[in-house]
Amino acid sequence: MKTTVTNFDSFLGLPDWKKVELKLCQAKFSAFPLMDYETDQSRKAMIYHIASHYGRIDVVDLIESQNKSLDNTWPRYLENIITPKILDIMDLKFFTQFGYCYCCKNYQGFNRMHYKKLNQKGNKIVPISGRCTQQFNNIADYKTKGKNFQIVKPDFSCHVWHPHQLYHESMIYLIEKKLSQEDRYPFHEYILDLKFVDFWRFFFNKYSYINVS
């Protein structure tokens, strides 16, 4: 079915995957921004707050520091489940609640399901540290013990966080549940965005017309 777009506002009202398709297939849309200014700023603020959690740095310091960037704070895994529009729907807690070592497949320690019980107020059992199979440089919270692993606390977080399948499925479930209550972003549209929208190309408006004739 042919999509009729008469102006910038009607273009913005399209699903993100459709906007990307139009920019790639029709030259007249090449210069169209993919977001309005307010949406762009709101989403970028969420991105920085997420990165501050995984980079263990104050969000203001992250934005203003010349030595810190999203490259060494942003969790790449999130790009498996995140779309630009989902940043409008889910709150910061959703993106960070499983963002700790005890949820990460790189962490080798006690049974991760027991962490909350071990850490309950009044419990005299102190969660022990475990091993991280990833390598890191210049992170004071890590204590190197040999070449193949690092000693980390269960409640540590970092930008190479990659959750176990259980937590991945939990996040997808929470997204689907939330979107079932949201007319503005149907779940099937979210799936199409995951498939066809490159997260960072979208934010930097790097889609341009491709002449295939």
Protein backbone atom coordinates (compact mmCIF):
# COMPACT_ATOMS: atom_id res chain seq x y z
CA MET A 1 0.00 0.00 0.00
CA LYS A 2 1.38 3.39 -1.03
CA THR A 3 2.07 5.82 1.82
CA THR A 4 0.93 9.40 1.24
CA VAL A 5 3.10 12.02 2.93
CA THR A 6 2.30 15.65 2.26
CA ASN A 7 4.51 17.46 4.79
CA PHE A 8 7.04 17.08 7.60
CA ASP A 9 4.37 16.55 10.26
CA SER A 10 2.76 13.68 8.39
CA PHE A 11 6.22 12.15 7.90
CA LEU A 12 6.89 12.32 11.64
CA GLY A 13 3.59 10.56 12.31
CA LEU A 14 4.71 7.44 10.44
CA PRO A 15 6.22 4.40 12.21
CA ASP A 16 10.00 4.67 12.46
CA TRP A 17 10.63 1.69 10.19
CA LYS A 18 8.44 3.33 7.53
CA LYS A 19 10.30 6.63 7.78
CA VAL A 20 13.57 4.78 7.26
CA GLU A 21 12.13 2.96 4.25
CA LEU A 22 10.99 6.23 2.66
CA LYS A 23 14.34 7.92 3.22
CA LEU A 24 16.10 4.99 1.56
CA CYS A 25 13.71 4.65 -1.36
CA GLN A 26 12.63 8.20 -2.20
CA ALA A 27 15.12 11.01 -2.65
CA LYS A 28 12.64 13.72 -1.62
CA PHE A 29 12.73 12.42 1.97
CA SER A 30 16.53 12.39 2.32
CA ALA A 31 16.66 15.73 4.13
CA PHE A 32 13.70 15.01 6.44
CA PRO A 33 14.66 14.72 10.14
CA LEU A 34 13.50 11.50 11.79
CA MET A 35 12.49 13.22 15.05
CA ASP A 36 11.38 16.64 16.13
CA TYR A 37 13.70 18.57 18.45
CA GLU A 38 11.84 17.84 21.69
CA THR A 39 11.70 14.10 21.02
CA ASP A 40 15.37 14.04 20.09
CA GLN A 41 16.40 15.78 23.31
CA SER A 42 14.17 13.62 25.50
CA ARG A 43 15.51 10.40 24.03
CA LYS A 44 19.13 11.51 24.22
CA ALA A 45 18.62 12.36 27.91
CA MET A 46 17.40 8.80 28.50
CA ILE A 47 20.40 7.42 26.62
CA TYR A 48 22.79 9.36 28.87
CA HIS A 49 20.99 8.24 32.02
CA ILE A 50 21.21 4.61 30.92
CA ALA A 51 24.89 5.00 30.07
CA SER A 52 25.60 6.64 33.43
CA HIS A 53 24.30 3.53 35.18
CA TYR A 54 26.43 1.09 33.19
CA GLY A 55 29.43 3.38 33.05
CA ARG A 56 29.19 4.08 36.79
CA ILE A 57 29.53 7.81 36.26
CA ASP A 58 27.32 10.74 37.17
CA VAL A 59 25.14 11.66 34.22
CA VAL A 60 26.24 15.32 34.28
CA ASP A 61 29.90 14.27 34.37
CA LEU A 62 29.29 11.91 31.47
CA ILE A 63 27.76 14.67 29.37
CA GLU A 64 30.37 17.27 30.23
CA SER A 65 33.57 15.21 30.57
CA GLN A 66 36.00 15.30 27.65
CA ASN A 67 37.50 11.98 28.76
CA LYS A 68 34.26 10.01 28.96
CA SER A 69 31.98 9.08 26.11
CA LEU A 70 29.16 6.73 25.27
CA ASP A 71 31.72 4.42 23.66
CA ASN A 72 32.93 3.20 27.03
CA THR A 73 29.71 3.53 29.01
CA TRP A 74 26.88 2.43 26.72
CA PRO A 75 25.83 -1.27 27.05
CA ARG A 76 25.90 -2.63 23.49
CA TYR A 77 23.59 -5.48 24.42
CA LEU A 78 20.65 -3.09 24.75
CA GLU A 79 20.68 -2.58 21.00
CA ASN A 80 19.21 -6.10 20.78
CA ILE A 81 16.00 -4.96 22.43
CA ILE A 82 15.96 -1.18 22.20
CA THR A 83 14.36 1.06 19.60
CA PRO A 84 14.23 4.85 19.52
CA LYS A 85 10.53 4.89 20.31
CA ILE A 86 10.78 2.48 23.23
CA LEU A 87 12.75 5.22 25.00
CA ASP A 88 9.48 7.20 25.10
CA ILE A 89 7.56 4.33 26.70
CA MET A 90 9.76 2.54 29.25
CA ASP A 91 11.23 4.30 32.27
CA LEU A 92 14.86 4.29 33.40
CA LYS A 93 14.23 1.50 35.93
CA PHE A 94 13.30 -0.87 33.13
CA PHE A 95 16.68 -0.40 31.44
CA THR A 96 18.70 -0.77 34.64
CA GLN A 97 16.86 -3.15 36.98
CA PHE A 98 18.65 -6.22 35.58
CA GLY A 99 21.80 -4.29 34.74
CA TYR A 100 24.11 -5.86 37.30
CA CYS A 101 26.74 -8.58 37.37
CA TYR A 102 24.49 -11.15 39.00
CA CYS A 103 22.23 -11.00 35.93
CA CYS A 104 25.10 -11.14 33.44
CA LYS A 105 26.28 -14.24 31.60
CA ASN A 106 29.88 -13.00 31.96
CA TYR A 107 29.59 -13.36 35.75
CA GLN A 108 30.58 -16.61 37.42
CA GLY A 109 29.54 -16.78 41.03
CA PHE A 110 26.76 -18.03 43.29
CA ASN A 111 23.27 -18.75 42.01
CA ARG A 112 22.06 -15.40 40.64
CA MET A 113 18.47 -16.15 41.64
CA HIS A 114 19.50 -15.98 45.31
CA TYR A 115 21.04 -12.52 45.17
CA LYS A 116 17.99 -10.58 46.39
CA LYS A 117 17.49 -12.95 49.31
CA LEU A 118 21.15 -12.66 50.28
CA ASN A 119 21.00 -8.89 50.12
CA GLN A 120 17.78 -8.37 52.10
CA LYS A 121 17.91 -5.90 54.96
CA GLY A 122 18.82 -7.59 58.21
CA ASN A 123 20.27 -10.65 56.53
CA LYS A 124 23.69 -11.37 57.99
CA ILE A 125 24.81 -13.25 54.91
CA VAL A 126 26.98 -11.01 52.75
CA PRO A 127 26.94 -11.74 48.99
CA ILE A 128 30.37 -12.92 47.91
CA SER A 129 32.19 -11.63 44.89
CA GLY A 130 32.49 -13.63 41.72
CA ARG A 131 34.51 -13.81 38.54
CA CYS A 132 33.94 -11.79 35.40
CA THR A 133 35.20 -13.45 32.23
CA GLN A 134 35.60 -10.12 30.44
CA GLN A 135 38.76 -8.03 30.45
CA PHE A 136 38.75 -4.39 31.59
CA ASN A 137 41.30 -1.64 31.83
CA ASN A 138 41.51 1.25 34.31
CA ILE A 139 38.36 0.40 36.25
CA ALA A 140 39.09 0.80 39.95
CA ASP A 141 36.13 -1.35 41.02
CA TYR A 142 37.76 -4.40 39.45
CA LYS A 143 40.61 -6.26 41.05
CA THR A 144 42.62 -8.28 38.57
CA LYS A 145 43.35 -11.85 39.59
CA GLY A 146 45.17 -13.46 36.71
CA LYS A 147 44.75 -13.11 32.98
CA ASN A 148 41.40 -14.79 32.44
CA PHE A 149 39.01 -13.12 34.85
CA GLN A 150 38.31 -10.20 37.17
CA ILE A 151 36.92 -10.24 40.71
CA VAL A 152 33.65 -8.30 40.86
CA LYS A 153 30.80 -7.70 43.25
CA PRO A 154 27.35 -9.05 42.27
CA ASP A 155 25.83 -5.57 42.24
CA PHE A 156 28.50 -4.10 39.98
CA SER A 157 27.48 -2.92 36.52
CA CYS A 158 29.43 -2.20 33.37
CA HIS A 159 29.00 -1.50 29.68
CA VAL A 160 29.78 -5.08 28.57
CA TRP A 161 26.81 -6.36 30.56
CA HIS A 162 25.04 -9.12 28.67
CA PRO A 163 22.16 -10.72 30.61
CA HIS A 164 21.37 -14.39 30.82
CA GLN A 165 18.52 -15.61 28.64
CA LEU A 166 16.15 -15.49 31.62
CA TYR A 167 16.62 -11.74 32.01
CA HIS A 168 16.54 -11.15 28.26
CA GLU A 169 13.18 -12.90 28.09
CA SER A 170 11.99 -10.96 31.15
CA MET A 171 12.78 -7.66 29.45
CA ILE A 172 10.97 -8.67 26.25
CA TYR A 173 7.98 -9.78 28.33
CA LEU A 174 7.88 -6.45 30.16
CA ILE A 175 8.06 -4.57 26.87
CA GLU A 176 5.24 -6.61 25.34
CA LYS A 177 3.12 -6.18 28.47
CA LYS A 178 3.67 -2.43 28.50
CA LEU A 179 3.01 -2.00 24.78
CA SER A 180 -0.23 -3.98 25.04
CA GLN A 181 -1.47 -0.98 27.03
CA GLU A 182 -0.07 1.58 24.59
CA ASP A 183 -2.06 2.48 21.46
CA ARG A 184 0.77 4.73 20.31
CA TYR A 185 3.27 1.90 19.88
CA PRO A 186 1.89 -1.55 19.03
CA PHE A 187 4.14 -4.50 19.76
CA HIS A 188 4.25 -5.59 16.10
CA GLU A 189 5.55 -2.11 15.21
CA TYR A 190 8.24 -2.48 17.87
CA ILE A 191 9.34 -5.77 16.25
CA LEU A 192 9.51 -4.10 12.82
CA ASP A 193 11.60 -1.27 14.29
CA LEU A 194 14.00 -3.81 15.82
CA LYS A 195 14.38 -5.46 12.44
CA PHE A 196 14.68 -2.45 10.16
CA VAL A 197 15.86 0.53 12.24
CA ASP A 198 19.53 0.88 13.11
CA PHE A 199 19.48 2.59 16.51
CA TRP A 200 22.47 4.91 16.08
CA ARG A 201 21.97 5.65 12.40
CA PHE A 202 18.49 6.77 13.35
CA PHE A 203 19.71 9.19 16.00
CA PHE A 204 22.33 10.69 13.73
CA ASN A 205 19.95 10.75 10.75
CA LYS A 206 22.39 8.73 8.63
CA TYR A 207 19.80 7.24 6.31
CA SER A 208 19.97 8.56 2.75
CA TYR A 209 18.39 7.73 -0.57
CA ILE A 210 19.74 4.68 -2.37
CA ASN A 211 19.19 4.73 -6.13
CA VAL A 212 18.78 1.12 -7.21
CA SER A 213 17.74 1.84 -10.81
